[in-house]
C-alpha cells in the first residue's frame, strides 16, 4: 500500500479498510456484519471489519491504521459466492447477499449473534436480494447441515418462505442436536423437528416480552466484547 501523491498529510493518511483487508488478508473476502452493512441488510453500525480468509492468519484480531479487523480462517474451497466491488480504484471481494446469509447462519456470531441473524434473515426475504434457490445452492456447496437447521427453523417460525423451501431445508439437516446460537447458553427447548436447541429465548416458539429484552441486552453485550477485544 502506497501513500497517494495527492495526500496533503502523508503521515495522517489512511487507506480504505476494505482495501487494507484485500491487500493483507488474501485469499479471502469481506463478510459477516461488514457485508450486511454493505448490502443494506442491517441498520446496526459495526466498527470492526469482518474478514473471511482462506489461510491461517494470526492473531485473529488485528488493528491496522486505527481500524479493527476480526479474521475468520476458513478452507480455501469455501471462498465462493462473492462479488468484486471497487474501493478507491482497488478491487475488493465481498460476500454476495446470499452467501452472507449462509455465513451468518453457519457462524451466528458473524452477525453479532443469532437474534440479529434472525432479524437480518427477515430483512433479506423482504428485500430485492431474496433468492431461495441460491440459498439452497450455497448451503449445499458449503456442506453444513447445521446451516439448514437454523435457516429452516427461522424461516418456518417467522413464515418467511414457502413450505416447499422449508421442507427442502428440512431434507438437508444432519443428525444430532445443534444449538441455534453456539455462543449462547446451553439450555433451551430442543425442537426435535429441526434437531435444534433454541437457546435464545426471543427465538423460542413461545416468547415473553421480558425474554426479548434480555436477548437484546445479551446481543449488545456480545458486540461490546468484540469491540473491546479488538482495542
Protein backbone atom coordinates (compact mmCIF):
# COMPACT_ATOMS: atom_id res chain seq x y z
CA UNK A 1 0.00 0.00 0.00
CA UNK A 2 1.37 3.36 -1.06
CA UNK A 3 0.51 6.87 0.06
CA UNK A 4 -1.04 8.72 -2.88
CA UNK A 5 0.80 11.76 -4.16
CA UNK A 6 -2.26 13.94 -3.62
CA UNK A 7 -2.37 13.19 0.12
CA UNK A 8 -1.99 16.54 1.91
CA UNK A 9 -0.74 14.94 5.14
CA UNK A 10 1.11 11.68 4.32
CA UNK A 11 1.68 10.80 7.99
CA UNK A 12 -2.03 11.08 8.74
CA UNK A 13 -3.26 9.39 5.55
CA UNK A 14 -5.32 6.21 5.99
CA UNK A 15 -6.20 3.64 3.35
CA UNK A 16 -9.78 2.39 2.96
CA UNK A 17 -10.05 -0.52 5.48
CA UNK A 18 -11.57 -2.77 2.82
CA UNK A 19 -8.58 -2.17 0.56
CA UNK A 20 -6.28 -2.93 3.51
CA UNK A 21 -8.10 -6.22 4.10
CA UNK A 22 -7.88 -7.19 0.42
CA UNK A 23 -4.14 -6.47 0.38
CA UNK A 24 -3.20 -8.18 3.64
CA UNK A 25 -5.74 -11.00 4.04
CA UNK A 26 -5.76 -12.80 0.73
CA UNK A 27 -7.28 -15.04 -0.45
CA UNK A 28 -10.48 -14.01 1.25
CA UNK A 29 -13.43 -11.67 1.30
CA UNK A 30 -15.24 -9.09 3.41
CA UNK A 31 -18.17 -10.84 5.07
CA UNK A 32 -20.31 -11.12 8.18
CA UNK A 33 -21.67 -7.91 9.62
CA UNK A 34 -19.47 -5.83 7.30
CA UNK A 35 -21.17 -7.38 4.26
CA UNK A 36 -24.58 -6.95 5.91
CA UNK A 37 -23.93 -3.22 6.15
CA UNK A 38 -22.77 -3.11 2.53
CA UNK A 39 -25.94 -4.78 1.23
CA UNK A 40 -28.27 -2.75 3.44
CA UNK A 41 -29.46 -5.75 5.44
CA UNK A 42 -28.86 -4.18 8.85
CA UNK A 43 -29.26 -0.77 10.45
CA UNK A 44 -26.63 -1.53 13.05
CA UNK A 45 -23.24 0.12 12.78
CA UNK A 46 -20.18 -2.05 13.36
CA UNK A 47 -16.72 -0.58 13.93
CA UNK A 48 -14.87 -3.86 13.33
CA UNK A 49 -14.25 -5.16 9.79
CA UNK A 50 -15.14 -8.87 9.48
CA UNK A 51 -12.92 -10.83 7.08
CA UNK A 52 -13.02 -14.47 5.92
CA UNK A 53 -9.59 -15.75 4.89
CA UNK A 54 -8.61 -18.99 3.17
CA UNK A 55 -5.38 -19.41 5.14
CA UNK A 56 -4.26 -19.22 8.75
CA UNK A 57 -3.83 -15.69 9.99
CA UNK A 58 -2.62 -14.85 13.48
CA UNK A 59 -3.68 -13.08 15.52
CA UNK A 60 -7.34 -13.28 14.61
CA UNK A 61 -7.91 -9.75 15.88
CA UNK A 62 -5.71 -7.01 14.50
CA UNK A 63 -5.67 -3.23 14.48
CA UNK A 64 -4.21 -1.62 11.36
CA UNK A 65 -4.14 2.13 10.72
CA UNK A 66 -6.61 2.61 13.56
CA UNK A 67 -9.16 0.12 12.20
CA UNK A 68 -10.00 -3.16 13.93
CA UNK A 69 -10.22 -6.36 11.91
CA UNK A 70 -11.74 -9.67 13.00
CA UNK A 71 -10.40 -12.52 10.87
CA UNK A 72 -12.00 -15.95 10.49
CA UNK A 73 -9.94 -18.70 8.88
CA UNK A 74 -11.91 -20.99 6.54
CA UNK A 75 -10.96 -23.68 4.00
CA UNK A 76 -9.96 -22.10 0.70
CA UNK A 77 -12.52 -24.26 -1.12
CA UNK A 78 -15.30 -22.31 0.65
CA UNK A 79 -14.29 -18.97 -0.86
CA UNK A 80 -17.25 -18.80 -3.23
CA UNK A 81 -20.33 -16.63 -3.58
CA UNK A 82 -18.52 -13.30 -3.68
CA UNK A 83 -18.72 -10.17 -5.75
CA UNK A 84 -15.96 -7.79 -6.73
CA UNK A 85 -16.53 -4.18 -5.75
CA UNK A 86 -14.26 -1.21 -6.28
CA UNK A 87 -13.00 0.90 -3.41
CA UNK A 88 -10.67 3.77 -4.24
CA UNK A 89 -9.92 2.17 -7.63
CA UNK A 90 -8.94 -1.11 -5.96
CA UNK A 91 -10.88 -4.40 -6.35
CA UNK A 92 -12.21 -5.98 -3.15
CA UNK A 93 -14.16 -9.23 -2.78
CA UNK A 94 -17.27 -9.13 -0.60
CA UNK A 95 -19.71 -11.96 0.03
CA UNK A 96 -22.88 -11.52 -2.03
CA UNK A 97 -26.19 -11.19 -0.11
CA UNK A 98 -26.97 -14.91 -0.32
CA UNK A 99 -23.52 -16.05 0.81
CA UNK A 100 -23.65 -13.50 3.62
CA UNK A 101 -26.87 -15.09 4.90
CA UNK A 102 -25.37 -18.57 4.72
CA UNK A 103 -22.27 -17.38 6.60
CA UNK A 104 -24.19 -15.81 9.48
CA UNK A 105 -26.32 -18.93 9.84
CA UNK A 106 -23.18 -21.07 9.83
CA UNK A 107 -21.49 -18.73 12.35
CA UNK A 108 -24.16 -16.57 14.04
CA UNK A 109 -21.50 -14.51 15.83
CA UNK A 110 -20.55 -13.14 12.40
CA UNK A 111 -23.82 -11.20 12.63
CA UNK A 112 -23.44 -10.37 16.30
CA UNK A 113 -25.47 -13.39 17.45
CA UNK A 114 -28.46 -15.48 16.39
CA UNK A 115 -31.00 -12.85 17.39
CA UNK A 116 -29.59 -10.30 14.98
CA UNK A 117 -29.09 -13.05 12.38
CA UNK A 118 -32.82 -13.79 12.57
CA UNK A 119 -33.64 -10.10 12.05
CA UNK A 120 -31.27 -9.97 9.09
CA UNK A 121 -32.85 -13.10 7.60
CA UNK A 122 -36.25 -11.43 7.67
CA UNK A 123 -34.79 -8.30 6.07
CA UNK A 124 -33.23 -10.48 3.36
CA UNK A 125 -36.51 -12.23 2.50
CA UNK A 126 -38.24 -8.84 2.33
CA UNK A 127 -35.54 -7.34 0.09
CA UNK A 128 -34.81 -7.42 -3.63
CA UNK A 129 -31.92 -9.78 -2.86
CA UNK A 130 -34.14 -12.70 -1.79
CA UNK A 131 -33.37 -15.88 -3.74
CA UNK A 132 -34.42 -19.12 -2.11
CA UNK A 133 -32.81 -21.31 -4.76
CA UNK A 134 -29.48 -19.55 -4.27
CA UNK A 135 -29.62 -20.11 -0.51
CA UNK A 136 -30.12 -23.83 -1.06
CA UNK A 137 -27.34 -23.92 -3.63
CA UNK A 138 -24.84 -22.14 -1.40
CA UNK A 139 -25.85 -24.19 1.61
CA UNK A 140 -25.26 -27.39 -0.34
CA UNK A 141 -21.93 -26.10 -1.58
CA UNK A 142 -20.79 -25.21 1.91
CA UNK A 143 -21.92 -28.62 3.12
CA UNK A 144 -23.01 -27.88 6.68
CA UNK A 145 -26.31 -29.41 7.79
CA UNK A 146 -26.48 -27.07 10.78
CA UNK A 147 -26.97 -24.15 8.40
CA UNK A 148 -30.18 -25.75 7.14
CA UNK A 149 -31.37 -26.37 10.70
CA UNK A 150 -31.10 -22.69 11.57
CA UNK A 151 -32.32 -21.49 8.18
CA UNK A 152 -35.32 -23.81 8.10
CA UNK A 153 -36.33 -23.22 11.70
CA UNK A 154 -36.13 -19.43 11.48
CA UNK A 155 -37.87 -19.32 8.08
CA UNK A 156 -40.67 -21.56 9.32
CA UNK A 157 -41.03 -19.77 12.65
CA UNK A 158 -41.48 -16.35 11.04
CA UNK A 159 -43.30 -17.60 7.91
CA UNK A 160 -40.61 -16.11 5.69
CA UNK A 161 -40.66 -18.65 2.88
CA UNK A 162 -42.90 -21.07 1.05
CA UNK A 163 -43.48 -24.53 2.58
CA UNK A 164 -41.50 -26.09 -0.27
CA UNK A 165 -38.41 -24.15 0.75
CA UNK A 166 -38.82 -25.05 4.42
CA UNK A 167 -39.14 -28.73 3.54
CA UNK A 168 -36.08 -28.51 1.27
CA UNK A 169 -34.14 -27.23 4.29
CA UNK A 170 -35.58 -29.99 6.47
CA UNK A 171 -34.47 -32.64 3.98
CA UNK A 172 -30.89 -31.40 4.33
CA UNK A 173 -30.48 -31.32 8.12
CA UNK A 174 -27.98 -33.58 9.84
CA UNK A 175 -28.46 -35.95 12.75
CA UNK A 176 -27.73 -34.94 16.31
CA UNK A 177 -28.75 -31.76 18.13
CA UNK A 178 -27.21 -28.37 17.38
CA UNK A 179 -27.54 -25.03 19.10
CA UNK A 180 -29.28 -22.13 17.45
CA UNK A 181 -26.54 -19.87 18.82
CA UNK A 182 -23.28 -21.65 19.77
CA UNK A 183 -22.23 -18.56 21.75
CA UNK A 184 -25.44 -18.58 23.80
CA UNK A 185 -26.44 -20.51 26.94
CA UNK A 186 -26.55 -24.30 26.91
CA UNK A 187 -30.21 -24.54 27.95
CA UNK A 188 -33.34 -24.03 25.89
CA UNK A 189 -36.09 -26.11 24.26
CA UNK A 190 -34.97 -28.78 21.81
CA UNK A 191 -37.04 -28.62 18.63
CA UNK A 192 -37.00 -32.25 17.51
CA UNK A 193 -38.25 -31.47 14.02
CA UNK A 194 -35.06 -29.48 13.38
CA UNK A 195 -32.67 -31.20 15.81
CA UNK A 196 -32.10 -27.70 17.11
CA UNK A 197 -31.80 -26.38 20.65
CA UNK A 198 -33.27 -22.89 20.68
CA UNK A 199 -31.06 -21.32 23.33
CA UNK A 200 -32.11 -17.72 22.62
CA UNK A 201 -35.41 -17.07 24.46
CA UNK A 202 -36.58 -14.44 21.96
CA UNK A 203 -36.41 -17.04 19.19
CA UNK A 204 -38.20 -19.85 21.00
CA UNK A 205 -41.65 -20.93 19.76
CA UNK A 206 -43.27 -19.07 22.68
CA UNK A 207 -41.82 -15.71 23.63
CA UNK A 208 -42.32 -13.28 26.52
CA UNK A 209 -41.53 -9.54 26.25
CA UNK A 210 -39.02 -9.89 29.08
CA UNK A 211 -37.22 -12.64 27.15
CA UNK A 212 -36.94 -10.34 24.15
CA UNK A 213 -35.44 -7.55 26.26
CA UNK A 214 -32.93 -9.92 27.86
CA UNK A 215 -31.89 -11.30 24.47
CA UNK A 216 -31.30 -7.80 23.10
CA UNK A 217 -29.16 -6.98 26.13
CA UNK A 218 -27.08 -10.13 25.59
CA UNK A 219 -26.60 -9.21 21.93
CA UNK A 220 -25.41 -5.72 22.87
CA UNK A 221 -23.01 -7.14 25.46
CA UNK A 222 -21.54 -9.55 22.90
CA UNK A 223 -20.88 -6.78 20.41
CA UNK A 224 -19.30 -4.71 23.16
CA UNK A 225 -16.96 -7.60 24.00
CA UNK A 226 -15.95 -7.93 20.35
CA UNK A 227 -15.10 -4.25 20.08
CA UNK A 228 -13.17 -4.23 23.36
CA UNK A 229 -11.16 -7.30 22.35
CA UNK A 230 -10.05 -5.52 19.20
CA UNK A 231 -8.68 -2.49 21.05
